[in-house]
Each structure stands twice: as structure tokens, then as C-alpha cells.
Amino acid sequence: MEESRECKVPAAILAIGTANPSNCVNQDNYPNFLFYVTNTQHLTNVKEKFFAF
């Protein structure tokens, strides 16, 4: 049987990627995005209430 070896230093992980995926919507632009996607841009009174939050 082989003897197990003990590691003396912590492991390091290198990750390469993007922090913000392309399908994320900025929170400031979310109300406009939501009303555009749901095709409810004509509901201006609801949109104003949504922006008030």
C-alpha cells in the first residue's frame, strides 16, 4: 500500500471568467427592461409607481 502524502501549503485556484454575465440587467435599468419584455410600456401609471420604489 502507498503511504498518503500530506500537503504543506494551501491549494490555490485560478479562475478566469467574467464577473458580470451578459444576461444580467443593471438594477437602475430593470424597470424599463421589465416593462419592455412584458410589453406593458403603455401602463404609465404602474410604471411610475414601480419607479417610486
N, C-alpha and C. Protein backbone atom coordinates (compact mmCIF):
# COMPACT_ATOMS: atom_id res chain seq x y z
N MET A 1 0.82 -1.18 0.00
CA MET A 1 0.00 0.00 0.00
C MET A 1 0.87 1.25 0.00
N GLU A 2 0.33 2.26 -0.67
CA GLU A 2 1.06 3.52 -0.71
C GLU A 2 0.74 4.35 0.52
N GLU A 3 1.72 5.09 0.92
CA GLU A 3 1.54 5.98 2.06
C GLU A 3 0.99 7.32 1.57
N SER A 4 -0.02 7.86 2.26
CA SER A 4 -0.60 9.14 1.81
C SER A 4 0.36 10.28 2.13
N ARG A 5 0.37 11.27 1.22
CA ARG A 5 1.25 12.42 1.41
C ARG A 5 0.44 13.58 1.96
N GLU A 6 1.04 14.33 2.82
CA GLU A 6 0.37 15.48 3.42
C GLU A 6 0.85 16.75 2.74
N CYS A 7 -0.08 17.62 2.43
CA CYS A 7 0.25 18.87 1.76
C CYS A 7 0.66 19.91 2.80
N LYS A 8 1.73 20.61 2.54
CA LYS A 8 2.25 21.60 3.49
C LYS A 8 1.78 23.03 3.19
N VAL A 9 1.24 23.27 1.99
CA VAL A 9 0.79 24.62 1.62
C VAL A 9 -0.68 24.55 1.19
N PRO A 10 -1.42 25.65 1.36
CA PRO A 10 -2.82 25.64 0.93
C PRO A 10 -2.93 25.60 -0.60
N ALA A 11 -3.99 25.04 -1.07
CA ALA A 11 -4.21 24.94 -2.51
C ALA A 11 -4.65 26.29 -3.06
N ALA A 12 -4.31 26.55 -4.29
CA ALA A 12 -4.71 27.79 -4.96
C ALA A 12 -5.55 27.44 -6.17
N ILE A 13 -6.57 28.23 -6.41
CA ILE A 13 -7.45 28.01 -7.55
C ILE A 13 -7.40 29.25 -8.44
N LEU A 14 -7.16 29.04 -9.71
CA LEU A 14 -7.13 30.13 -10.67
C LEU A 14 -8.39 30.03 -11.51
N ALA A 15 -9.19 31.08 -11.48
CA ALA A 15 -10.42 31.09 -12.26
C ALA A 15 -10.39 32.29 -13.20
N ILE A 16 -10.70 32.03 -14.44
CA ILE A 16 -10.76 33.09 -15.44
C ILE A 16 -12.18 33.15 -15.96
N GLY A 17 -12.79 34.30 -15.88
CA GLY A 17 -14.16 34.46 -16.35
C GLY A 17 -14.60 35.90 -16.19
N THR A 18 -15.87 36.11 -16.39
CA THR A 18 -16.40 37.46 -16.24
C THR A 18 -17.20 37.54 -14.95
N ALA A 19 -17.10 38.68 -14.31
CA ALA A 19 -17.82 38.88 -13.05
C ALA A 19 -19.29 39.21 -13.31
N ASN A 20 -19.58 39.83 -14.43
CA ASN A 20 -20.94 40.21 -14.77
C ASN A 20 -21.36 39.54 -16.08
N PRO A 21 -22.17 38.52 -16.02
CA PRO A 21 -22.62 37.85 -17.25
C PRO A 21 -23.39 38.81 -18.15
N SER A 22 -23.40 38.51 -19.41
CA SER A 22 -24.05 39.41 -20.38
C SER A 22 -25.56 39.44 -20.23
N ASN A 23 -26.16 38.44 -19.59
CA ASN A 23 -27.61 38.42 -19.46
C ASN A 23 -28.09 39.11 -18.18
N CYS A 24 -27.21 39.74 -17.42
CA CYS A 24 -27.61 40.47 -16.21
C CYS A 24 -28.14 41.84 -16.60
N VAL A 25 -29.11 42.31 -15.84
CA VAL A 25 -29.70 43.63 -16.08
C VAL A 25 -29.36 44.51 -14.89
N ASN A 26 -28.80 45.67 -15.16
CA ASN A 26 -28.48 46.61 -14.10
C ASN A 26 -29.75 47.00 -13.36
N GLN A 27 -29.66 47.16 -12.05
CA GLN A 27 -30.84 47.44 -11.23
C GLN A 27 -31.49 48.76 -11.61
N ASP A 28 -30.70 49.73 -12.04
CA ASP A 28 -31.26 51.02 -12.45
C ASP A 28 -32.09 50.89 -13.73
N ASN A 29 -31.74 49.95 -14.59
CA ASN A 29 -32.44 49.77 -15.86
C ASN A 29 -33.52 48.70 -15.80
N TYR A 30 -33.66 48.03 -14.67
CA TYR A 30 -34.59 46.90 -14.58
C TYR A 30 -36.04 47.28 -14.85
N PRO A 31 -36.57 48.37 -14.29
CA PRO A 31 -37.98 48.70 -14.59
C PRO A 31 -38.25 48.85 -16.08
N ASN A 32 -37.38 49.57 -16.78
CA ASN A 32 -37.56 49.73 -18.23
C ASN A 32 -37.48 48.38 -18.94
N PHE A 33 -36.54 47.55 -18.52
CA PHE A 33 -36.38 46.22 -19.11
C PHE A 33 -37.63 45.37 -18.87
N LEU A 34 -38.14 45.40 -17.64
CA LEU A 34 -39.31 44.59 -17.30
C LEU A 34 -40.53 44.99 -18.13
N PHE A 35 -40.80 46.29 -18.23
CA PHE A 35 -41.95 46.74 -18.99
C PHE A 35 -41.77 46.49 -20.49
N TYR A 36 -40.52 46.52 -20.96
CA TYR A 36 -40.26 46.22 -22.37
C TYR A 36 -40.49 44.74 -22.67
N VAL A 37 -39.98 43.87 -21.82
CA VAL A 37 -40.08 42.43 -22.04
C VAL A 37 -41.53 41.96 -21.93
N THR A 38 -42.28 42.51 -20.99
CA THR A 38 -43.67 42.09 -20.79
C THR A 38 -44.64 42.84 -21.69
N ASN A 39 -44.11 43.73 -22.53
CA ASN A 39 -44.92 44.50 -23.48
C ASN A 39 -46.04 45.28 -22.77
N THR A 40 -45.69 45.92 -21.66
CA THR A 40 -46.66 46.72 -20.90
C THR A 40 -46.18 48.16 -20.75
N GLN A 41 -45.51 48.67 -21.76
CA GLN A 41 -44.99 50.04 -21.70
C GLN A 41 -46.12 51.07 -21.70
N HIS A 42 -47.29 50.67 -22.12
CA HIS A 42 -48.41 51.60 -22.16
C HIS A 42 -49.02 51.86 -20.78
N LEU A 43 -48.65 51.07 -19.78
CA LEU A 43 -49.17 51.25 -18.43
C LEU A 43 -48.29 52.25 -17.67
N THR A 44 -48.40 53.51 -18.03
CA THR A 44 -47.52 54.52 -17.47
C THR A 44 -47.75 54.75 -15.98
N ASN A 45 -49.00 54.64 -15.51
CA ASN A 45 -49.25 54.85 -14.08
C ASN A 45 -48.60 53.76 -13.24
N VAL A 46 -48.62 52.53 -13.71
CA VAL A 46 -47.97 51.43 -12.99
C VAL A 46 -46.45 51.61 -13.05
N LYS A 47 -45.97 52.05 -14.19
CA LYS A 47 -44.54 52.25 -14.36
C LYS A 47 -44.02 53.33 -13.39
N GLU A 48 -44.79 54.40 -13.21
CA GLU A 48 -44.39 55.46 -12.29
C GLU A 48 -44.34 54.94 -10.85
N LYS A 49 -45.31 54.11 -10.48
CA LYS A 49 -45.31 53.53 -9.13
C LYS A 49 -44.11 52.60 -8.95
N PHE A 50 -43.79 51.87 -10.00
CA PHE A 50 -42.65 50.95 -9.94
C PHE A 50 -41.35 51.72 -9.74
N PHE A 51 -41.22 52.86 -10.43
CA PHE A 51 -40.01 53.67 -10.29
C PHE A 51 -39.94 54.33 -8.91
N ALA A 52 -41.08 54.52 -8.25
CA ALA A 52 -41.10 55.15 -6.93
C ALA A 52 -40.44 54.26 -5.87
N PHE A 53 -40.47 52.95 -6.08
CA PHE A 53 -39.84 52.03 -5.13
C PHE A 53 -38.37 52.19 -5.22
